[in-house]
Protein backbone atom coordinates (compact mmCIF):
# COMPACT_ATOMS: atom_id res chain seq x y z
CA UNK A 1 0.13 0.16 -0.24
CA UNK A 2 2.85 2.51 0.84
CA UNK A 3 3.90 1.86 -2.61
CA UNK A 4 1.55 2.66 -4.25
CA UNK A 5 0.36 6.02 -1.92
CA UNK A 6 4.43 6.79 -2.97
CA UNK A 7 4.09 5.84 -7.24
CA UNK A 8 1.13 8.15 -6.79
CA UNK A 9 3.04 11.12 -5.06
CA UNK A 10 5.68 10.83 -7.57
CA UNK A 11 3.52 10.43 -10.67
CA UNK A 12 1.37 13.50 -9.75
CA UNK A 13 4.08 15.69 -8.68
CA UNK A 14 5.60 14.60 -12.26
CA UNK A 15 2.78 15.74 -14.25
CA UNK A 16 2.20 18.76 -12.08
CA UNK A 17 5.82 19.86 -12.90
CA UNK A 18 4.94 19.55 -17.03
CA UNK A 19 1.59 21.14 -16.79
CA UNK A 20 3.58 24.29 -14.51
CA UNK A 21 6.19 23.82 -17.97
CA UNK A 22 2.91 24.39 -20.26
CA UNK A 23 1.65 26.97 -18.41
CA UNK A 24 4.51 29.15 -18.81
CA UNK A 25 4.62 28.84 -22.28
CA UNK A 26 0.97 29.43 -22.66
CA UNK A 27 1.73 32.79 -20.41
CA UNK A 28 4.16 34.08 -22.95
CA UNK A 29 1.49 33.78 -26.08
CA UNK A 30 -1.21 35.40 -23.91
CA UNK A 31 0.92 38.26 -23.20
CA UNK A 32 2.09 38.45 -26.86
CA UNK A 33 -1.85 38.14 -28.26
CA UNK A 34 -2.94 40.78 -25.09
CA UNK A 35 -0.34 43.63 -26.81
CA UNK A 36 -1.64 43.01 -30.19
CA UNK A 37 -5.05 43.28 -29.26
CA UNK A 38 -4.77 46.08 -27.29
CA UNK A 39 -2.66 47.83 -29.42
CA UNK A 40 -4.91 47.16 -32.60
CA UNK A 41 -7.98 48.68 -30.46
CA UNK A 42 -7.90 52.10 -30.28
CA UNK A 43 -10.09 53.09 -27.51
CA UNK A 44 -7.42 51.89 -25.77
CA UNK A 45 -4.60 54.74 -24.88
CA UNK A 46 -1.49 53.65 -25.73
CA UNK A 47 0.07 55.04 -22.30
CA UNK A 48 -2.09 52.27 -20.80
CA UNK A 49 -0.59 50.08 -22.75
CA UNK A 50 3.23 51.31 -21.90
CA UNK A 51 2.13 51.46 -17.70
CA UNK A 52 0.51 47.94 -17.66
CA UNK A 53 2.70 45.56 -20.58
CA UNK A 54 5.70 47.56 -21.76
CA UNK A 55 9.17 46.86 -19.24
CA UNK A 56 11.10 50.21 -18.49
CA UNK A 57 13.92 49.90 -16.21
CA UNK A 58 15.04 54.01 -16.92
CA UNK A 59 12.20 56.25 -17.28
CA UNK A 60 12.28 59.55 -18.93
CA UNK A 61 9.76 61.75 -20.69
CA UNK A 62 12.18 61.35 -23.86
CA UNK A 63 11.55 57.37 -23.39
CA UNK A 64 8.10 57.55 -22.97
CA UNK A 65 7.37 60.31 -26.05
CA UNK A 66 9.35 57.52 -28.30
CA UNK A 67 7.48 54.36 -26.93
CA UNK A 68 4.47 56.42 -27.68
CA UNK A 69 5.23 57.20 -31.28
CA UNK A 70 6.82 53.97 -31.71
CA UNK A 71 3.21 51.88 -31.03
CA UNK A 72 1.52 54.90 -32.49
CA UNK A 73 3.08 53.08 -35.34
CA UNK A 74 2.47 50.00 -34.99
CA UNK A 75 -1.18 50.43 -34.23
CA UNK A 76 -1.09 51.95 -37.47
CA UNK A 77 0.62 48.74 -39.20
CA UNK A 78 -1.98 46.55 -37.36
CA UNK A 79 -5.03 48.77 -38.73
CA UNK A 80 -5.56 47.01 -41.93
CA UNK A 81 -5.01 43.67 -40.66
CA UNK A 82 -6.83 40.89 -39.56
CA UNK A 83 -5.03 40.65 -35.78
CA UNK A 84 -6.02 36.70 -35.93
CA UNK A 85 -3.95 36.20 -38.88
CA UNK A 86 -0.48 36.94 -37.26
CA UNK A 87 1.40 33.92 -36.84
CA UNK A 88 3.38 33.90 -33.18
CA UNK A 89 6.66 32.31 -33.87
CA UNK A 90 9.74 31.19 -30.83
CA UNK A 91 12.30 33.01 -32.25
CA UNK A 92 14.30 29.23 -31.93
CA UNK A 93 11.44 27.66 -34.88
CA UNK A 94 11.69 30.58 -36.54
CA UNK A 95 13.76 29.94 -40.59
CA UNK A 96 17.36 30.78 -40.20
CA UNK A 97 16.83 33.37 -43.29
CA UNK A 98 14.45 35.76 -40.89
CA UNK A 99 16.81 35.13 -37.86
CA UNK A 100 20.34 35.25 -38.93
CA UNK A 101 20.40 38.92 -39.14
CA UNK A 102 19.37 39.49 -35.28
CA UNK A 103 21.68 39.53 -32.48
CA UNK A 104 20.56 38.56 -29.12
CA UNK A 105 23.89 38.55 -27.48
CA UNK A 106 22.78 37.54 -23.70
CA UNK A 107 18.85 38.06 -24.63
CA UNK A 108 17.27 34.46 -23.11
CA UNK A 109 16.26 33.42 -27.20
CA UNK A 110 13.06 31.39 -25.48
CA UNK A 111 11.83 34.67 -24.76
CA UNK A 112 12.19 35.89 -28.21
CA UNK A 113 9.13 35.95 -30.93
CA UNK A 114 8.57 36.91 -33.80
CA UNK A 115 5.81 37.79 -35.51
CA UNK A 116 4.50 37.43 -38.94
CA UNK A 117 1.35 39.05 -41.16
CA UNK A 118 1.06 36.46 -44.86
CA UNK A 119 4.49 35.19 -44.12
CA UNK A 120 5.90 39.33 -43.69
CA UNK A 121 7.71 39.44 -40.47
CA UNK A 122 5.94 42.43 -38.71
CA UNK A 123 7.07 42.58 -35.33
CA UNK A 124 10.11 41.30 -33.75
CA UNK A 125 9.29 41.53 -29.31
CA UNK A 126 11.62 40.34 -26.17
CA UNK A 127 9.42 39.30 -23.19
CA UNK A 128 10.80 39.99 -19.55
CA UNK A 129 8.75 39.27 -16.29
CA UNK A 130 5.58 38.97 -17.97
CA UNK A 131 5.87 42.08 -19.63
CA UNK A 132 7.01 43.48 -23.02
CA UNK A 133 10.88 43.63 -22.79
CA UNK A 134 11.22 45.16 -26.57
CA UNK A 135 10.13 45.94 -29.74
CA UNK A 136 12.85 47.54 -30.95
CA UNK A 137 15.95 46.18 -33.04
CA UNK A 138 18.52 48.54 -34.32
CA UNK A 139 21.47 47.83 -36.13
CA UNK A 140 24.52 47.41 -34.44
CA UNK A 141 26.97 48.03 -36.65
CA UNK A 142 28.51 44.70 -37.43
CA UNK A 143 25.66 43.97 -39.85
CA UNK A 144 23.14 42.91 -36.97
CA UNK A 145 20.40 44.26 -35.23
CA UNK A 146 19.68 43.93 -31.75
CA UNK A 147 16.97 44.63 -29.18
CA UNK A 148 16.60 48.07 -27.54
CA UNK A 149 15.65 47.35 -24.12
CA UNK A 150 13.94 50.80 -22.12
């Protein structure tokens, strides 16, 4: 009887550990979908999206102005797109031709996603602490682009 109880507890803890892993990847997808849905909704102010969904480590008026303008530009790009057709691709599963020009440096590639619309890259996003840590890629002078952290 003790053996059965021990076996059951080991199996149930193993199943629980697998569920936690599944929930984490689901969480990233939820974060991405919420971000895109909110951006595509003109009734949600961009400053609300920034405060709730963007990691801002070094706040300044200039940075907030940049984030607002950048998010408005993404919003315009989403305006005539069917957001349900956007494909959210993990960086590690994206085609080499889509990732070869991105230098992640110390960024965890499991937290980077490429968004595609009709087979064209729409956006690259880096997640951190259950928020968007960056949606901005800039040339690093070495023929590649890297994420800018805010």
